[in-house]
C-alpha cells in the first residue's frame, strides 16, 4: 500500500516536470517564431522562456489558488447569500456599493456628503 503511494507521488512529480518543460519549450518556440520577425526582438533560450512563464504566473496568475478553490468559494458565497434575510442582503449590497461603486445594471451609488 505504501509503495503504491510512493509510486503515485513519483509519477505526479515526473508529470509536473514534463508539463513545465513542455510549457517552456512551447513559449520558447512561439517567441522565437513570432517576435524576432514581427518586432526585431532577440531570440530567447529555454531557461529564459521558463523565467518568462514564471514571471507571467507571478504577475497574472493565481498562485496557490486552483479552479477548485474558486468553485468552493462561489459555492460557500451562494450558501451564505441564501441564508441571509432581505435586510442583511440590502446591507451587504450597500456596503459593497460604498466600497466598489455601483454594479452593472444598477443605479449609481449616492455620493457621500
PDB file of N, CA and C in Angstrom:
ATOM      1  N   UNK A   1       0.821  -1.184   0.000  1.00  0.00           N
ATOM      2  CA  UNK A   1       0.000   0.000   0.000  1.00  0.00           C
ATOM      3  C   UNK A   1       0.874   1.260   0.000  1.00  0.00           C
ATOM      4  N   UNK A   2       1.896   1.292   0.853  1.00  0.00           N
ATOM      5  CA  UNK A   2       2.788   2.439   0.944  1.00  0.00           C
ATOM      6  C   UNK A   2       3.623   2.576  -0.330  1.00  0.00           C
ATOM      7  N   UNK A   3       4.037   1.477  -0.919  1.00  0.00           N
ATOM      8  CA  UNK A   3       4.820   1.517  -2.148  1.00  0.00           C
ATOM      9  C   UNK A   3       3.987   2.108  -3.286  1.00  0.00           C
ATOM     10  N   UNK A   4       2.699   1.796  -3.312  1.00  0.00           N
ATOM     11  CA  UNK A   4       1.804   2.344  -4.325  1.00  0.00           C
ATOM     12  C   UNK A   4       1.716   3.863  -4.196  1.00  0.00           C
ATOM     13  N   UNK A   5       1.667   4.362  -2.966  1.00  0.00           N
ATOM     14  CA  UNK A   5       1.604   5.806  -2.737  1.00  0.00           C
ATOM     15  C   UNK A   5       2.896   6.489  -3.199  1.00  0.00           C
ATOM     16  N   UNK A   6       4.030   5.877  -2.933  1.00  0.00           N
ATOM     17  CA  UNK A   6       5.322   6.434  -3.353  1.00  0.00           C
ATOM     18  C   UNK A   6       5.398   6.480  -4.874  1.00  0.00           C
ATOM     19  N   UNK A   7       4.939   5.432  -5.523  1.00  0.00           N
ATOM     20  CA  UNK A   7       4.956   5.403  -6.986  1.00  0.00           C
ATOM     21  C   UNK A   7       4.057   6.499  -7.545  1.00  0.00           C
ATOM     22  N   UNK A   8       2.902   6.695  -6.963  1.00  0.00           N
ATOM     23  CA  UNK A   8       1.995   7.762  -7.413  1.00  0.00           C
ATOM     24  C   UNK A   8       2.642   9.133  -7.280  1.00  0.00           C
ATOM     25  N   UNK A   9       3.278   9.378  -6.140  1.00  0.00           N
ATOM     26  CA  UNK A   9       3.941  10.662  -5.927  1.00  0.00           C
ATOM     27  C   UNK A   9       5.049  10.869  -6.944  1.00  0.00           C
ATOM     28  N   UNK A  10       5.827   9.839  -7.213  1.00  0.00           N
ATOM     29  CA  UNK A  10       6.921   9.947  -8.189  1.00  0.00           C
ATOM     30  C   UNK A  10       6.376  10.226  -9.589  1.00  0.00           C
ATOM     31  N   UNK A  11       5.290   9.553  -9.962  1.00  0.00           N
ATOM     32  CA  UNK A  11       4.682   9.763 -11.276  1.00  0.00           C
ATOM     33  C   UNK A  11       4.142  11.186 -11.383  1.00  0.00           C
ATOM     34  N   UNK A  12       3.499  11.679 -10.325  1.00  0.00           N
ATOM     35  CA  UNK A  12       2.972  13.043 -10.340  1.00  0.00           C
ATOM     36  C   UNK A  12       4.102  14.063 -10.454  1.00  0.00           C
ATOM     37  N   UNK A  13       5.202  13.839  -9.753  1.00  0.00           N
ATOM     38  CA  UNK A  13       6.341  14.748  -9.844  1.00  0.00           C
ATOM     39  C   UNK A  13       6.930  14.735 -11.249  1.00  0.00           C
ATOM     40  N   UNK A  14       7.038  13.563 -11.837  1.00  0.00           N
ATOM     41  CA  UNK A  14       7.559  13.453 -13.195  1.00  0.00           C
ATOM     42  C   UNK A  14       6.641  14.159 -14.186  1.00  0.00           C
ATOM     43  N   UNK A  15       5.333  13.987 -14.009  1.00  0.00           N
ATOM     44  CA  UNK A  15       4.380  14.663 -14.893  1.00  0.00           C
ATOM     45  C   UNK A  15       4.485  16.182 -14.742  1.00  0.00           C
ATOM     46  N   UNK A  16       4.692  16.673 -13.517  1.00  0.00           N
ATOM     47  CA  UNK A  16       4.862  18.102 -13.295  1.00  0.00           C
ATOM     48  C   UNK A  16       6.091  18.642 -13.992  1.00  0.00           C
ATOM     49  N   UNK A  17       7.196  17.915 -13.899  1.00  0.00           N
ATOM     50  CA  UNK A  17       8.437  18.337 -14.562  1.00  0.00           C
ATOM     51  C   UNK A  17       8.246  18.337 -16.079  1.00  0.00           C
ATOM     52  N   UNK A  18       7.611  17.308 -16.614  1.00  0.00           N
ATOM     53  CA  UNK A  18       7.364  17.238 -18.055  1.00  0.00           C
ATOM     54  C   UNK A  18       6.450  18.382 -18.503  1.00  0.00           C
ATOM     55  N   UNK A  19       5.423  18.676 -17.727  1.00  0.00           N
ATOM     56  CA  UNK A  19       4.495  19.759 -18.056  1.00  0.00           C
ATOM     57  C   UNK A  19       5.212  21.104 -18.082  1.00  0.00           C
ATOM     58  N   UNK A  20       6.044  21.374 -17.075  1.00  0.00           N
ATOM     59  CA  UNK A  20       6.792  22.633 -17.028  1.00  0.00           C
ATOM     60  C   UNK A  20       7.774  22.717 -18.192  1.00  0.00           C
ATOM     61  N   UNK A  21       8.476  21.631 -18.470  1.00  0.00           N
ATOM     62  CA  UNK A  21       9.431  21.631 -19.576  1.00  0.00           C
ATOM     63  C   UNK A  21       8.723  21.840 -20.913  1.00  0.00           C
ATOM     64  N   UNK A  22       7.588  21.194 -21.096  1.00  0.00           N
ATOM     65  CA  UNK A  22       6.826  21.365 -22.332  1.00  0.00           C
ATOM     66  C   UNK A  22       6.336  22.804 -22.467  1.00  0.00           C
ATOM     67  N   UNK A  23       5.862  23.380 -21.365  1.00  0.00           N
ATOM     68  CA  UNK A  23       5.422  24.772 -21.395  1.00  0.00           C
ATOM     69  C   UNK A  23       6.554  25.708 -21.762  1.00  0.00           C
ATOM     70  N   UNK A  24       7.727  25.504 -21.177  1.00  0.00           N
ATOM     71  CA  UNK A  24       8.894  26.323 -21.515  1.00  0.00           C
ATOM     72  C   UNK A  24       9.287  26.181 -22.973  1.00  0.00           C
ATOM     73  N   UNK A  25       9.240  24.956 -23.486  1.00  0.00           N
ATOM     74  CA  UNK A  25       9.587  24.716 -24.881  1.00  0.00           C
ATOM     75  C   UNK A  25       8.595  25.409 -25.823  1.00  0.00           C
ATOM     76  N   UNK A  26       7.309  25.311 -25.502  1.00  0.00           N
ATOM     77  CA  UNK A  26       6.287  25.945 -26.345  1.00  0.00           C
ATOM     78  C   UNK A  26       6.445  27.461 -26.339  1.00  0.00           C
ATOM     79  N   UNK A  27       6.673  28.050 -25.160  1.00  0.00           N
ATOM     80  CA  UNK A  27       6.871  29.502 -25.074  1.00  0.00           C
ATOM     81  C   UNK A  27       8.103  29.910 -25.871  1.00  0.00           C
ATOM     82  N   UNK A  28       9.185  29.170 -25.726  1.00  0.00           N
ATOM     83  CA  UNK A  28      10.411  29.488 -26.451  1.00  0.00           C
ATOM     84  C   UNK A  28      10.189  29.431 -27.960  1.00  0.00           C
ATOM     85  N   UNK A  29       9.547  28.368 -28.424  1.00  0.00           N
ATOM     86  CA  UNK A  29       9.315  28.223 -29.869  1.00  0.00           C
ATOM     87  C   UNK A  29       8.404  29.319 -30.402  1.00  0.00           C
ATOM     88  N   UNK A  30       7.318  29.643 -29.686  1.00  0.00           N
ATOM     89  CA  UNK A  30       6.418  30.705 -30.138  1.00  0.00           C
ATOM     90  C   UNK A  30       7.111  32.056 -30.134  1.00  0.00           C
ATOM     91  N   UNK A  31       7.862  32.350 -29.084  1.00  0.00           N
ATOM     92  CA  UNK A  31       8.597  33.619 -29.027  1.00  0.00           C
ATOM     93  C   UNK A  31       9.568  33.721 -30.192  1.00  0.00           C
ATOM     94  N   UNK A  32      10.369  32.664 -30.370  1.00  0.00           N
ATOM     95  CA  UNK A  32      11.402  32.707 -31.411  1.00  0.00           C
ATOM     96  C   UNK A  32      10.813  32.669 -32.816  1.00  0.00           C
ATOM     97  N   UNK A  33       9.599  32.210 -32.961  1.00  0.00           N
ATOM     98  CA  UNK A  33       8.951  32.179 -34.265  1.00  0.00           C
ATOM     99  C   UNK A  33       8.333  33.532 -34.595  1.00  0.00           C
ATOM    100  N   UNK A  34       7.694  34.159 -33.602  1.00  0.00           N
ATOM    101  CA  UNK A  34       6.934  35.380 -33.865  1.00  0.00           C
ATOM    102  C   UNK A  34       7.693  36.680 -33.610  1.00  0.00           C
ATOM    103  N   UNK A  35       8.218  36.849 -32.429  1.00  0.00           N
ATOM    104  CA  UNK A  35       8.698  38.164 -32.015  1.00  0.00           C
ATOM    105  C   UNK A  35       9.930  38.666 -32.770  1.00  0.00           C
ATOM    106  N   UNK A  36      10.929  37.838 -33.087  1.00  0.00           N
ATOM    107  CA  UNK A  36      12.057  38.385 -33.856  1.00  0.00           C
ATOM    108  C   UNK A  36      11.648  38.895 -35.238  1.00  0.00           C
ATOM    109  N   UNK A  37      10.723  38.212 -35.888  1.00  0.00           N
ATOM    110  CA  UNK A  37      10.321  38.655 -37.219  1.00  0.00           C
ATOM    111  C   UNK A  37       9.334  39.825 -37.176  1.00  0.00           C
ATOM    112  N   UNK A  38       8.482  39.885 -36.150  1.00  0.00           N
ATOM    113  CA  UNK A  38       7.496  40.961 -36.062  1.00  0.00           C
ATOM    114  C   UNK A  38       8.075  42.253 -35.502  1.00  0.00           C
ATOM    115  N   UNK A  39       8.867  42.149 -34.437  1.00  0.00           N
ATOM    116  CA  UNK A  39       9.334  43.337 -33.735  1.00  0.00           C
ATOM    117  C   UNK A  39      10.846  43.472 -33.691  1.00  0.00           C
ATOM    118  N   UNK A  40      11.559  42.610 -34.341  1.00  0.00           N
ATOM    119  CA  UNK A  40      13.025  42.600 -34.367  1.00  0.00           C
ATOM    120  C   UNK A  40      13.603  42.435 -32.959  1.00  0.00           C
ATOM    121  N   UNK A  41      12.936  41.638 -32.112  1.00  0.00           N
ATOM    122  CA  UNK A  41      13.450  41.343 -30.779  1.00  0.00           C
ATOM    123  C   UNK A  41      14.383  40.154 -30.866  1.00  0.00           C
ATOM    124  N   UNK A  42      15.175  39.956 -29.832  1.00  0.00           N
ATOM    125  CA  UNK A  42      16.128  38.849 -29.800  1.00  0.00           C
ATOM    126  C   UNK A  42      15.415  37.527 -29.540  1.00  0.00           C
ATOM    127  N   UNK A  43      16.055  36.446 -29.954  1.00  0.00           N
ATOM    128  CA  UNK A  43      15.554  35.112 -29.644  1.00  0.00           C
ATOM    129  C   UNK A  43      15.887  34.803 -28.187  1.00  0.00           C
ATOM    130  N   UNK A  44      15.123  33.907 -27.567  1.00  0.00           N
ATOM    131  CA  UNK A  44      15.363  33.549 -26.173  1.00  0.00           C
ATOM    132  C   UNK A  44      15.717  32.076 -26.057  1.00  0.00           C
ATOM    133  N   UNK A  45      16.333  31.743 -24.933  1.00  0.00           N
ATOM    134  CA  UNK A  45      16.698  30.355 -24.655  1.00  0.00           C
ATOM    135  C   UNK A  45      15.564  29.673 -23.894  1.00  0.00           C
ATOM    136  N   UNK A  46      15.722  28.377 -23.708  1.00  0.00           N
ATOM    137  CA  UNK A  46      14.738  27.605 -22.956  1.00  0.00           C
ATOM    138  C   UNK A  46      14.607  28.135 -21.534  1.00  0.00           C
ATOM    139  N   UNK A  47      15.724  28.441 -20.884  1.00  0.00           N
ATOM    140  CA  UNK A  47      15.694  28.910 -19.498  1.00  0.00           C
ATOM    141  C   UNK A  47      15.058  30.297 -19.389  1.00  0.00           C
ATOM    142  N   UNK A  48      15.278  31.139 -20.391  1.00  0.00           N
ATOM    143  CA  UNK A  48      14.607  32.439 -20.400  1.00  0.00           C
ATOM    144  C   UNK A  48      13.105  32.262 -20.579  1.00  0.00           C
ATOM    145  N   UNK A  49      12.705  31.290 -21.383  1.00  0.00           N
ATOM    146  CA  UNK A  49      11.278  31.011 -21.568  1.00  0.00           C
ATOM    147  C   UNK A  49      10.651  30.534 -20.261  1.00  0.00           C
ATOM    148  N   UNK A  50      11.361  29.682 -19.502  1.00  0.00           N
ATOM    149  CA  UNK A  50      10.849  29.253 -18.199  1.00  0.00           C
ATOM    150  C   UNK A  50      10.735  30.441 -17.248  1.00  0.00           C
ATOM    151  N   UNK A  51      11.725  31.334 -17.274  1.00  0.00           N
ATOM    152  CA  UNK A  51      11.659  32.536 -16.450  1.00  0.00           C
ATOM    153  C   UNK A  51      10.487  33.417 -16.839  1.00  0.00           C
ATOM    154  N   UNK A  52      10.226  33.512 -18.131  1.00  0.00           N
ATOM    155  CA  UNK A  52       9.083  34.291 -18.611  1.00  0.00           C
ATOM    156  C   UNK A  52       7.769  33.675 -18.158  1.00  0.00           C
ATOM    157  N   UNK A  53       7.676  32.358 -18.203  1.00  0.00           N
ATOM    158  CA  UNK A  53       6.476  31.674 -17.700  1.00  0.00           C
ATOM    159  C   UNK A  53       6.270  31.952 -16.214  1.00  0.00           C
ATOM    160  N   UNK A  54       7.341  31.884 -15.435  1.00  0.00           N
ATOM    161  CA  UNK A  54       7.246  32.152 -14.004  1.00  0.00           C
ATOM    162  C   UNK A  54       6.835  33.596 -13.746  1.00  0.00           C
ATOM    163  N   UNK A  55       7.418  34.531 -14.490  1.00  0.00           N
ATOM    164  CA  UNK A  55       7.064  35.938 -14.334  1.00  0.00           C
ATOM    165  C   UNK A  55       5.584  36.166 -14.652  1.00  0.00           C
ATOM    166  N   UNK A  56       5.092  35.567 -15.725  1.00  0.00           N
ATOM    167  CA  UNK A  56       3.678  35.698 -16.077  1.00  0.00           C
ATOM    168  C   UNK A  56       2.787  35.088 -15.002  1.00  0.00           C
ATOM    169  N   UNK A  57       3.214  33.990 -14.437  1.00  0.00           N
ATOM    170  CA  UNK A  57       2.438  33.348 -13.374  1.00  0.00           C
ATOM    171  C   UNK A  57       2.354  34.253 -12.151  1.00  0.00           C
ATOM    172  N   UNK A  58       3.483  34.904 -11.818  1.00  0.00           N
ATOM    173  CA  UNK A  58       3.504  35.799 -10.670  1.00  0.00           C
ATOM    174  C   UNK A  58       2.630  37.018 -10.931  1.00  0.00           C
ATOM    175  N   UNK A  59       2.760  37.618 -12.120  1.00  0.00           N
ATOM    176  CA  UNK A  59       2.042  38.852 -12.410  1.00  0.00           C
ATOM    177  C   UNK A  59       0.562  38.642 -12.696  1.00  0.00           C
ATOM    178  N   UNK A  60       0.218  37.593 -13.418  1.00  0.00           N
ATOM    179  CA  UNK A  60      -1.151  37.425 -13.891  1.00  0.00           C
ATOM    180  C   UNK A  60      -1.862  36.204 -13.335  1.00  0.00           C
ATOM    181  N   UNK A  61      -1.124  35.259 -12.807  1.00  0.00           N
ATOM    182  CA  UNK A  61      -1.729  34.013 -12.353  1.00  0.00           C
ATOM    183  C   UNK A  61      -2.216  34.101 -10.932  1.00  0.00           C
ATOM    184  N   UNK A  62      -2.821  33.040 -10.492  1.00  0.00           N
ATOM    185  CA  UNK A  62      -3.289  32.939  -9.123  1.00  0.00           C
ATOM    186  C   UNK A  62      -2.457  31.876  -8.433  1.00  0.00           C
ATOM    187  N   UNK A  63      -1.394  32.293  -7.818  1.00  0.00           N
ATOM    188  CA  UNK A  63      -0.519  31.329  -7.159  1.00  0.00           C
ATOM    189  C   UNK A  63      -1.232  30.789  -5.925  1.00  0.00           C
ATOM    190  N   UNK A  64      -1.328  29.486  -5.828  1.00  0.00           N
ATOM    191  CA  UNK A  64      -1.945  28.851  -4.679  1.00  0.00           C
ATOM    192  C   UNK A  64      -3.453  28.750  -4.756  1.00  0.00           C
ATOM    193  N   UNK A  65      -4.046  29.188  -5.832  1.00  0.00           N
ATOM    194  CA  UNK A  65      -5.498  29.124  -5.947  1.00  0.00           C
ATOM    195  C   UNK A  65      -5.857  28.392  -7.230  1.00  0.00           C
ATOM    196  N   UNK A  66      -6.461  27.265  -7.084  1.00  0.00           N
ATOM    197  CA  UNK A  66      -6.839  26.499  -8.265  1.00  0.00           C
ATOM    198  C   UNK A  66      -8.290  26.763  -8.626  1.00  0.00           C
ATOM    199  N   UNK A  67      -8.740  26.194  -9.716  1.00  0.00           N
ATOM    200  CA  UNK A  67     -10.133  26.329 -10.114  1.00  0.00           C
ATOM    201  C   UNK A  67     -11.085  25.760  -9.076  1.00  0.00           C
ATOM    202  N   UNK A  68     -10.655  24.703  -8.399  1.00  0.00           N
ATOM    203  CA  UNK A  68     -11.488  24.105  -7.361  1.00  0.00           C
ATOM    204  C   UNK A  68     -11.675  25.061  -6.184  1.00  0.00           C
ATOM    205  N   UNK A  69     -10.616  25.786  -5.830  1.00  0.00           N
ATOM    206  CA  UNK A  69     -10.726  26.742  -4.723  1.00  0.00           C
ATOM    207  C   UNK A  69     -11.714  27.841  -5.070  1.00  0.00           C
ATOM    208  N   UNK A  70     -11.687  28.329  -6.313  1.00  0.00           N
ATOM    209  CA  UNK A  70     -12.623  29.365  -6.723  1.00  0.00           C
ATOM    210  C   UNK A  70     -14.048  28.813  -6.740  1.00  0.00           C
ATOM    211  N   UNK A  71     -14.224  27.574  -7.179  1.00  0.00           N
ATOM    212  CA  UNK A  71     -15.552  26.968  -7.202  1.00  0.00           C
ATOM    213  C   UNK A  71     -16.083  26.801  -5.780  1.00  0.00           C
ATOM    214  N   UNK A  72     -15.222  26.400  -4.854  1.00  0.00           N
ATOM    215  CA  UNK A  72     -15.645  26.257  -3.460  1.00  0.00           C
ATOM    216  C   UNK A  72     -16.014  27.607  -2.868  1.00  0.00           C
ATOM    217  N   UNK A  73     -15.250  28.657  -3.206  1.00  0.00           N
ATOM    218  CA  UNK A  73     -15.564  29.996  -2.714  1.00  0.00           C
ATOM    219  C   UNK A  73     -16.936  30.431  -3.209  1.00  0.00           C
ATOM    220  N   UNK A  74     -17.209  30.221  -4.494  1.00  0.00           N
ATOM    221  CA  UNK A  74     -18.507  30.594  -5.052  1.00  0.00           C
ATOM    222  C   UNK A  74     -19.644  29.816  -4.392  1.00  0.00           C
ATOM    223  N   UNK A  75     -19.417  28.536  -4.155  1.00  0.00           N
ATOM    224  CA  UNK A  75     -20.439  27.705  -3.523  1.00  0.00           C
ATOM    225  C   UNK A  75     -20.728  28.198  -2.106  1.00  0.00           C
ATOM    226  N   UNK A  76     -19.671  28.487  -1.335  1.00  0.00           N
ATOM    227  CA  UNK A  76     -19.867  28.982   0.028  1.00  0.00           C
ATOM    228  C   UNK A  76     -20.570  30.335   0.030  1.00  0.00           C
ATOM    229  N   UNK A  77     -20.199  31.203  -0.922  1.00  0.00           N
ATOM    230  CA  UNK A  77     -20.836  32.515  -1.005  1.00  0.00           C
ATOM    231  C   UNK A  77     -22.317  32.371  -1.335  1.00  0.00           C
ATOM    232  N   UNK A  78     -22.632  31.455  -2.233  1.00  0.00           N
ATOM    233  CA  UNK A  78     -24.040  31.228  -2.585  1.00  0.00           C
ATOM    234  C   UNK A  78     -24.828  30.686  -1.393  1.00  0.00           C
ATOM    235  N   UNK A  79     -24.210  29.803  -0.619  1.00  0.00           N
ATOM    236  CA  UNK A  79     -24.877  29.276   0.576  1.00  0.00           C
ATOM    237  C   UNK A  79     -25.129  30.390   1.590  1.00  0.00           C
ATOM    238  N   UNK A  80     -24.134  31.231   1.813  1.00  0.00           N
ATOM    239  CA  UNK A  80     -24.301  32.339   2.756  1.00  0.00           C
ATOM    240  C   UNK A  80     -25.382  33.299   2.284  1.00  0.00           C
ATOM    241  N   UNK A  81     -25.372  33.593   0.985  1.00  0.00           N
ATOM    242  CA  UNK A  81     -26.371  34.502   0.423  1.00  0.00           C
ATOM    243  C   UNK A  81     -27.778  33.939   0.639  1.00  0.00           C
ATOM    244  N   UNK A  82     -27.936  32.639   0.459  1.00  0.00           N
ATOM    245  CA  UNK A  82     -29.234  32.010   0.644  1.00  0.00           C
ATOM    246  C   UNK A  82     -29.711  32.052   2.085  1.00  0.00           C
ATOM    247  N   UNK A  83     -28.791  32.119   3.038  1.00  0.00           N
ATOM    248  CA  UNK A  83     -29.163  32.151   4.450  1.00  0.00           C
ATOM    249  C   UNK A  83     -29.425  33.567   4.961  1.00  0.00           C
ATOM    250  N   UNK A  84     -29.106  34.590   4.152  1.00  0.00           N
ATOM    251  CA  UNK A  84     -29.310  35.972   4.594  1.00  0.00           C
ATOM    252  C   UNK A  84     -30.773  36.378   4.477  1.00  0.00           C
ATOM    253  N   UNK A  85     -31.172  37.242   5.377  1.00  0.00           N
ATOM    254  CA  UNK A  85     -32.510  37.840   5.278  1.00  0.00           C
ATOM    255  C   UNK A  85     -32.451  38.961   4.248  1.00  0.00           C
ATOM    256  N   UNK A  86     -33.597  39.414   3.729  1.00  0.00           N
ATOM    257  CA  UNK A  86     -33.580  40.533   2.770  1.00  0.00           C
ATOM    258  C   UNK A  86     -32.901  41.784   3.326  1.00  0.00           C
ATOM    259  N   UNK A  87     -33.036  42.038   4.619  1.00  0.00           N
ATOM    260  CA  UNK A  87     -32.385  43.205   5.218  1.00  0.00           C
ATOM    261  C   UNK A  87     -30.866  43.042   5.212  1.00  0.00           C
ATOM    262  N   UNK A  88     -30.388  41.835   5.518  1.00  0.00           N
ATOM    263  CA  UNK A  88     -28.942  41.579   5.507  1.00  0.00           C
ATOM    264  C   UNK A  88     -28.381  41.694   4.095  1.00  0.00           C
ATOM    265  N   UNK A  89     -29.142  41.209   3.121  1.00  0.00           N
ATOM    266  CA  UNK A  89     -28.699  41.319   1.727  1.00  0.00           C
ATOM    267  C   UNK A  89     -28.582  42.771   1.302  1.00  0.00           C
ATOM    268  N   UNK A  90     -29.554  43.591   1.667  1.00  0.00           N
ATOM    269  CA  UNK A  90     -29.511  45.002   1.294  1.00  0.00           C
ATOM    270  C   UNK A  90     -28.355  45.719   1.992  1.00  0.00           C
ATOM    271  N   UNK A  91     -28.122  45.364   3.254  1.00  0.00           N
ATOM    272  CA  UNK A  91     -26.996  45.954   3.990  1.00  0.00           C
ATOM    273  C   UNK A  91     -25.673  45.559   3.324  1.00  0.00           C
ATOM    274  N   UNK A  92     -25.569  44.304   2.882  1.00  0.00           N
ATOM    275  CA  UNK A  92     -24.370  43.839   2.183  1.00  0.00           C
ATOM    276  C   UNK A  92     -24.189  44.595   0.870  1.00  0.00           C
ATOM    277  N   UNK A  93     -25.267  44.718   0.095  1.00  0.00           N
ATOM    278  CA  UNK A  93     -25.194  45.457  -1.175  1.00  0.00           C
ATOM    279  C   UNK A  93     -24.754  46.896  -0.942  1.00  0.00           C
ATOM    280  N   UNK A  94     -25.326  47.537   0.080  1.00  0.00           N
ATOM    281  CA  UNK A  94     -24.992  48.926   0.373  1.00  0.00           C
ATOM    282  C   UNK A  94     -23.502  49.052   0.721  1.00  0.00           C
ATOM    283  N   UNK A  95     -23.007  48.127   1.537  1.00  0.00           N
ATOM    284  CA  UNK A  95     -21.589  48.143   1.896  1.00  0.00           C
ATOM    285  C   UNK A  95     -20.685  47.936   0.681  1.00  0.00           C
ATOM    286  N   UNK A  96     -21.085  47.034  -0.229  1.00  0.00           N
ATOM    287  CA  UNK A  96     -20.283  46.802  -1.436  1.00  0.00           C
ATOM    288  C   UNK A  96     -20.315  48.012  -2.354  1.00  0.00           C
ATOM    289  N   UNK A  97     -21.468  48.655  -2.464  1.00  0.00           N
ATOM    290  CA  UNK A  97     -21.557  49.869  -3.295  1.00  0.00           C
ATOM    291  C   UNK A  97     -20.682  50.975  -2.726  1.00  0.00           C
ATOM    292  N   UNK A  98     -20.637  51.086  -1.412  1.00  0.00           N
ATOM    293  CA  UNK A  98     -19.815  52.114  -0.781  1.00  0.00           C
ATOM    294  C   UNK A  98     -18.332  51.863  -1.041  1.00  0.00           C
ATOM    295  N   UNK A  99     -17.932  50.591  -1.081  1.00  0.00           N
ATOM    296  CA  UNK A  99     -16.531  50.257  -1.305  1.00  0.00           C
ATOM    297  C   UNK A  99     -16.161  50.221  -2.777  1.00  0.00           C
ATOM    298  N   UNK A 100     -17.047  49.680  -3.614  1.00  0.00           N
ATOM    299  CA  UNK A 100     -16.689  49.387  -5.001  1.00  0.00           C
ATOM    300  C   UNK A 100     -17.413  50.237  -6.033  1.00  0.00           C
ATOM    301  N   UNK A 101     -18.416  50.977  -5.649  1.00  0.00           N
ATOM    302  CA  UNK A 101     -19.225  51.706  -6.617  1.00  0.00           C
ATOM    303  C   UNK A 101     -20.403  50.853  -7.046  1.00  0.00           C
ATOM    304  N   UNK A 102     -21.122  51.339  -8.053  1.00  0.00           N
ATOM    305  CA  UNK A 102     -22.310  50.614  -8.489  1.00  0.00           C
ATOM    306  C   UNK A 102     -21.924  49.446  -9.384  1.00  0.00           C
ATOM    307  N   UNK A 103     -22.811  48.483  -9.470  1.00  0.00           N
ATOM    308  CA  UNK A 103     -22.614  47.316 -10.312  1.00  0.00           C
ATOM    309  C   UNK A 103     -23.314  47.536 -11.642  1.00  0.00           C
ATOM    310  N   UNK A 104     -22.915  46.840 -12.705  1.00  0.00           N
ATOM    311  CA  UNK A 104     -23.594  46.999 -14.000  1.00  0.00           C
ATOM    312  C   UNK A 104     -25.082  46.707 -13.879  1.00  0.00           C
ATOM    313  N   UNK A 105     -25.885  47.558 -14.455  1.00  0.00           N
ATOM    314  CA  UNK A 105     -27.320  47.357 -14.442  1.00  0.00           C
ATOM    315  C   UNK A 105     -28.009  47.911 -13.216  1.00  0.00           C
ATOM    316  N   UNK A 106     -27.254  48.498 -12.295  1.00  0.00           N
ATOM    317  CA  UNK A 106     -27.841  49.078 -11.092  1.00  0.00           C
ATOM    318  C   UNK A 106     -27.630  50.584 -11.110  1.00  0.00           C
ATOM    319  N   UNK A 107     -28.485  51.325 -10.440  1.00  0.00           N
ATOM    320  CA  UNK A 107     -28.270  52.776 -10.380  1.00  0.00           C
ATOM    321  C   UNK A 107     -26.985  53.103  -9.634  1.00  0.00           C
ATOM    322  N   UNK A 108     -26.409  54.235  -9.944  1.00  0.00           N
ATOM    323  CA  UNK A 108     -25.155  54.652  -9.313  1.00  0.00           C
ATOM    324  C   UNK A 108     -25.376  54.893  -7.825  1.00  0.00           C
ATOM    325  N   UNK A 109     -24.317  54.686  -7.047  1.00  0.00           N
ATOM    326  CA  UNK A 109     -24.398  54.898  -5.605  1.00  0.00           C
ATOM    327  C   UNK A 109     -24.543  56.379  -5.319  1.00  0.00           C
ATOM    328  N   UNK A 110     -25.210  56.670  -4.238  1.00  0.00           N
ATOM    329  CA  UNK A 110     -25.388  58.070  -3.861  1.00  0.00           C
ATOM    330  C   UNK A 110     -24.056  58.639  -3.405  1.00  0.00           C
ATOM    331  N   UNK A 111     -23.738  59.871  -3.829  1.00  0.00           N
ATOM    332  CA  UNK A 111     -22.457  60.456  -3.396  1.00  0.00           C
ATOM    333  C   UNK A 111     -22.490  60.759  -1.905  1.00  0.00           C
ATOM    334  N   UNK A 112     -21.328  60.586  -1.285  1.00  0.00           N
ATOM    335  CA  UNK A 112     -21.238  60.849   0.144  1.00  0.00           C
ATOM    336  C   UNK A 112     -21.151  62.351   0.387  1.00  0.00           C
ATOM    337  N   UNK A 113     -21.770  62.820   1.459  1.00  0.00           N
ATOM    338  CA  UNK A 113     -21.779  64.257   1.757  1.00  0.00           C
ATOM    339  C   UNK A 113     -20.536  64.657   2.494  1.00  0.00           C
TER     340      UNK A 113
END
